[in-house]
């Protein structure tokens, strides 16, 4: 099963780095989209929903799984 994984991140973000390292350690390919501009990040958060206010935000097959904790849970559920 191929996974389309997109990681929305920002610079100098330890949680973002941990999410990317987790994916790399499991040999899972992903696309990273950096949102370093504050205004762009706030606009992105608005699209995700009112409860989203942190980075990273990870999407698997176009479904938001959340940040690092959500990614870990989604990978466990997928058996990855």
N, C-alpha and C. Protein backbone atom coordinates (compact mmCIF):
# COMPACT_ATOMS: atom_id res chain seq x y z
N UNK A 1 0.84 -1.19 0.00
CA UNK A 1 0.00 0.00 0.00
C UNK A 1 0.89 1.25 0.00
N UNK A 2 0.78 2.05 -1.03
CA UNK A 2 1.54 3.29 -1.09
C UNK A 2 0.85 4.36 -0.27
N UNK A 3 1.66 5.10 0.47
CA UNK A 3 1.14 6.19 1.29
C UNK A 3 1.61 7.51 0.71
N UNK A 4 0.69 8.42 0.53
CA UNK A 4 1.02 9.77 0.11
C UNK A 4 1.10 10.61 1.37
N UNK A 5 2.34 10.90 1.82
CA UNK A 5 2.55 11.59 3.09
C UNK A 5 3.08 12.99 2.81
N UNK A 6 2.42 13.98 3.40
CA UNK A 6 2.86 15.37 3.29
C UNK A 6 3.02 15.93 4.70
N UNK A 7 4.20 16.51 4.95
CA UNK A 7 4.51 17.11 6.24
C UNK A 7 4.61 18.62 6.06
N UNK A 8 3.71 19.34 6.70
CA UNK A 8 3.78 20.80 6.72
C UNK A 8 4.59 21.17 7.95
N UNK A 9 5.69 21.90 7.74
CA UNK A 9 6.59 22.18 8.84
C UNK A 9 7.07 23.63 8.80
N UNK A 10 7.88 23.98 9.80
CA UNK A 10 8.52 25.29 9.82
C UNK A 10 9.96 25.09 10.29
N UNK A 11 10.79 26.07 10.06
CA UNK A 11 12.20 26.01 10.48
C UNK A 11 12.30 26.06 12.00
N UNK A 12 13.39 25.51 12.49
CA UNK A 12 13.70 25.53 13.93
C UNK A 12 12.56 24.97 14.77
N UNK A 13 12.03 23.84 14.33
CA UNK A 13 10.90 23.20 15.02
C UNK A 13 11.31 21.78 15.40
N UNK A 14 11.60 21.52 16.67
CA UNK A 14 12.01 20.18 17.09
C UNK A 14 10.97 19.11 16.81
N UNK A 15 9.69 19.45 16.96
CA UNK A 15 8.62 18.48 16.69
C UNK A 15 8.60 18.12 15.20
N UNK A 16 8.81 19.12 14.35
CA UNK A 16 8.85 18.89 12.90
C UNK A 16 10.01 17.96 12.55
N UNK A 17 11.18 18.24 13.14
CA UNK A 17 12.36 17.41 12.89
C UNK A 17 12.12 15.97 13.35
N UNK A 18 11.47 15.80 14.49
CA UNK A 18 11.19 14.45 15.00
C UNK A 18 10.24 13.70 14.08
N UNK A 19 9.23 14.37 13.56
CA UNK A 19 8.29 13.72 12.64
C UNK A 19 9.00 13.27 11.37
N UNK A 20 9.85 14.13 10.84
CA UNK A 20 10.59 13.78 9.61
C UNK A 20 11.58 12.64 9.86
N UNK A 21 12.23 12.65 11.04
CA UNK A 21 13.16 11.57 11.38
C UNK A 21 12.42 10.24 11.54
N UNK A 22 11.23 10.29 12.13
CA UNK A 22 10.43 9.08 12.29
C UNK A 22 10.09 8.48 10.93
N UNK A 23 9.64 9.31 10.01
CA UNK A 23 9.30 8.82 8.68
C UNK A 23 10.53 8.28 7.96
N UNK A 24 11.63 8.97 8.06
CA UNK A 24 12.86 8.52 7.40
C UNK A 24 13.36 7.21 7.99
N UNK A 25 13.26 7.07 9.32
CA UNK A 25 13.74 5.85 9.97
C UNK A 25 12.92 4.62 9.56
N UNK A 26 11.72 4.86 9.10
CA UNK A 26 10.86 3.76 8.65
C UNK A 26 10.84 3.65 7.13
N UNK A 27 11.76 4.37 6.49
CA UNK A 27 11.91 4.35 5.02
C UNK A 27 10.61 4.71 4.31
N UNK A 28 9.88 5.66 4.88
CA UNK A 28 8.65 6.14 4.27
C UNK A 28 8.93 7.46 3.57
N UNK A 29 8.62 7.51 2.29
CA UNK A 29 8.82 8.74 1.54
C UNK A 29 7.75 9.75 1.91
N UNK A 30 8.14 11.02 1.93
CA UNK A 30 7.20 12.08 2.24
C UNK A 30 7.62 13.35 1.52
N UNK A 31 6.65 14.23 1.37
CA UNK A 31 6.90 15.55 0.80
C UNK A 31 6.83 16.54 1.95
N UNK A 32 7.82 17.42 2.03
CA UNK A 32 7.81 18.44 3.07
C UNK A 32 7.45 19.78 2.44
N UNK A 33 6.52 20.47 3.10
CA UNK A 33 6.16 21.82 2.69
C UNK A 33 6.42 22.73 3.88
N UNK A 34 7.39 23.61 3.72
CA UNK A 34 7.75 24.53 4.80
C UNK A 34 6.90 25.78 4.74
N UNK A 35 6.38 26.15 5.89
CA UNK A 35 5.60 27.39 6.01
C UNK A 35 6.25 28.22 7.10
N UNK A 36 7.25 29.01 6.70
CA UNK A 36 7.97 29.83 7.67
C UNK A 36 7.35 31.20 7.87
N UNK A 37 6.58 31.66 6.91
CA UNK A 37 5.93 32.97 7.03
C UNK A 37 4.74 32.86 7.98
N UNK A 38 4.71 33.71 8.99
CA UNK A 38 3.66 33.67 10.02
C UNK A 38 2.26 33.83 9.43
N UNK A 39 2.09 34.76 8.50
CA UNK A 39 0.78 34.99 7.90
C UNK A 39 0.32 33.76 7.11
N UNK A 40 1.24 33.15 6.36
CA UNK A 40 0.90 31.93 5.62
C UNK A 40 0.54 30.80 6.56
N UNK A 41 1.28 30.69 7.67
CA UNK A 41 1.00 29.64 8.64
C UNK A 41 -0.38 29.82 9.27
N UNK A 42 -0.73 31.05 9.63
CA UNK A 42 -2.05 31.31 10.21
C UNK A 42 -3.16 30.99 9.20
N UNK A 43 -2.95 31.31 7.94
CA UNK A 43 -3.93 30.98 6.90
C UNK A 43 -4.06 29.46 6.76
N UNK A 44 -2.94 28.75 6.83
CA UNK A 44 -2.96 27.29 6.77
C UNK A 44 -3.74 26.71 7.94
N UNK A 45 -3.49 27.24 9.16
CA UNK A 45 -4.21 26.77 10.34
C UNK A 45 -5.72 26.96 10.18
N UNK A 46 -6.12 28.08 9.60
CA UNK A 46 -7.54 28.35 9.38
C UNK A 46 -8.18 27.29 8.49
N UNK A 47 -7.44 26.85 7.47
CA UNK A 47 -7.96 25.81 6.57
C UNK A 47 -8.10 24.47 7.27
N UNK A 48 -7.20 24.21 8.24
CA UNK A 48 -7.20 22.92 8.94
C UNK A 48 -8.32 22.81 9.97
N UNK A 49 -8.71 23.93 10.55
CA UNK A 49 -9.76 23.89 11.56
C UNK A 49 -9.37 24.66 12.80
N UNK A 50 -10.33 24.98 13.64
CA UNK A 50 -10.09 25.86 14.79
C UNK A 50 -9.16 25.28 15.85
N UNK A 51 -9.01 23.97 15.91
CA UNK A 51 -8.18 23.38 16.96
C UNK A 51 -6.71 23.26 16.55
N UNK A 52 -6.39 23.57 15.30
CA UNK A 52 -5.02 23.41 14.81
C UNK A 52 -4.24 24.70 15.01
N UNK A 53 -3.16 24.60 15.81
CA UNK A 53 -2.35 25.79 16.08
C UNK A 53 -0.87 25.48 16.23
N UNK A 54 -0.44 24.30 15.78
CA UNK A 54 0.97 23.97 15.93
C UNK A 54 1.50 23.22 14.73
N UNK A 55 2.80 23.17 14.63
CA UNK A 55 3.49 22.44 13.58
C UNK A 55 4.22 21.29 14.22
N UNK A 56 4.43 20.20 13.52
CA UNK A 56 4.05 19.96 12.14
C UNK A 56 2.59 19.56 12.04
N UNK A 57 2.09 19.58 10.82
CA UNK A 57 0.80 18.99 10.51
C UNK A 57 1.07 17.96 9.41
N UNK A 58 0.65 16.74 9.67
CA UNK A 58 0.95 15.64 8.76
C UNK A 58 -0.34 15.14 8.14
N UNK A 59 -0.28 14.93 6.84
CA UNK A 59 -1.41 14.38 6.09
C UNK A 59 -0.97 13.07 5.46
N UNK A 60 -1.79 12.04 5.60
CA UNK A 60 -1.55 10.76 4.94
C UNK A 60 -2.74 10.49 4.04
N UNK A 61 -2.45 10.34 2.75
CA UNK A 61 -3.50 10.14 1.74
C UNK A 61 -4.58 11.21 1.86
N UNK A 62 -4.15 12.46 1.96
CA UNK A 62 -5.02 13.64 2.00
C UNK A 62 -5.86 13.76 3.26
N UNK A 63 -5.58 12.96 4.28
CA UNK A 63 -6.31 13.06 5.54
C UNK A 63 -5.34 13.53 6.63
N UNK A 64 -5.73 14.58 7.35
CA UNK A 64 -4.86 15.11 8.40
C UNK A 64 -4.84 14.16 9.59
N UNK A 65 -3.62 13.77 9.99
CA UNK A 65 -3.48 12.90 11.16
C UNK A 65 -3.00 13.70 12.37
N UNK A 66 -2.59 14.95 12.14
CA UNK A 66 -2.18 15.82 13.23
C UNK A 66 -0.68 16.00 13.26
N UNK A 67 -0.14 16.18 14.47
CA UNK A 67 1.29 16.41 14.65
C UNK A 67 2.04 15.12 14.87
N UNK A 68 3.11 15.20 15.64
CA UNK A 68 3.98 14.05 15.87
C UNK A 68 3.23 12.90 16.54
N UNK A 69 2.45 13.19 17.56
CA UNK A 69 1.70 12.14 18.25
C UNK A 69 0.67 11.49 17.33
N UNK A 70 -0.02 12.30 16.54
CA UNK A 70 -0.98 11.77 15.58
C UNK A 70 -0.32 10.92 14.52
N UNK A 71 0.88 11.32 14.10
CA UNK A 71 1.63 10.54 13.12
C UNK A 71 2.02 9.19 13.70
N UNK A 72 2.51 9.19 14.92
CA UNK A 72 2.88 7.92 15.56
C UNK A 72 1.68 6.98 15.65
N UNK A 73 0.53 7.52 16.04
CA UNK A 73 -0.69 6.70 16.16
C UNK A 73 -1.13 6.18 14.79
N UNK A 74 -1.07 7.04 13.77
CA UNK A 74 -1.50 6.62 12.43
C UNK A 74 -0.59 5.53 11.88
N UNK A 75 0.71 5.67 12.10
CA UNK A 75 1.65 4.65 11.62
C UNK A 75 1.44 3.32 12.34
N UNK A 76 1.16 3.38 13.64
CA UNK A 76 0.88 2.16 14.39
C UNK A 76 -0.37 1.48 13.86
N UNK A 77 -1.39 2.28 13.57
CA UNK A 77 -2.64 1.74 13.06
C UNK A 77 -2.44 1.12 11.67
N UNK A 78 -1.54 1.70 10.88
CA UNK A 78 -1.26 1.19 9.54
C UNK A 78 -0.25 0.04 9.57
N UNK A 79 0.28 -0.27 10.74
CA UNK A 79 1.26 -1.33 10.84
C UNK A 79 2.61 -0.95 10.27
N UNK A 80 2.92 0.32 10.32
CA UNK A 80 4.20 0.81 9.78
C UNK A 80 5.08 1.19 10.91
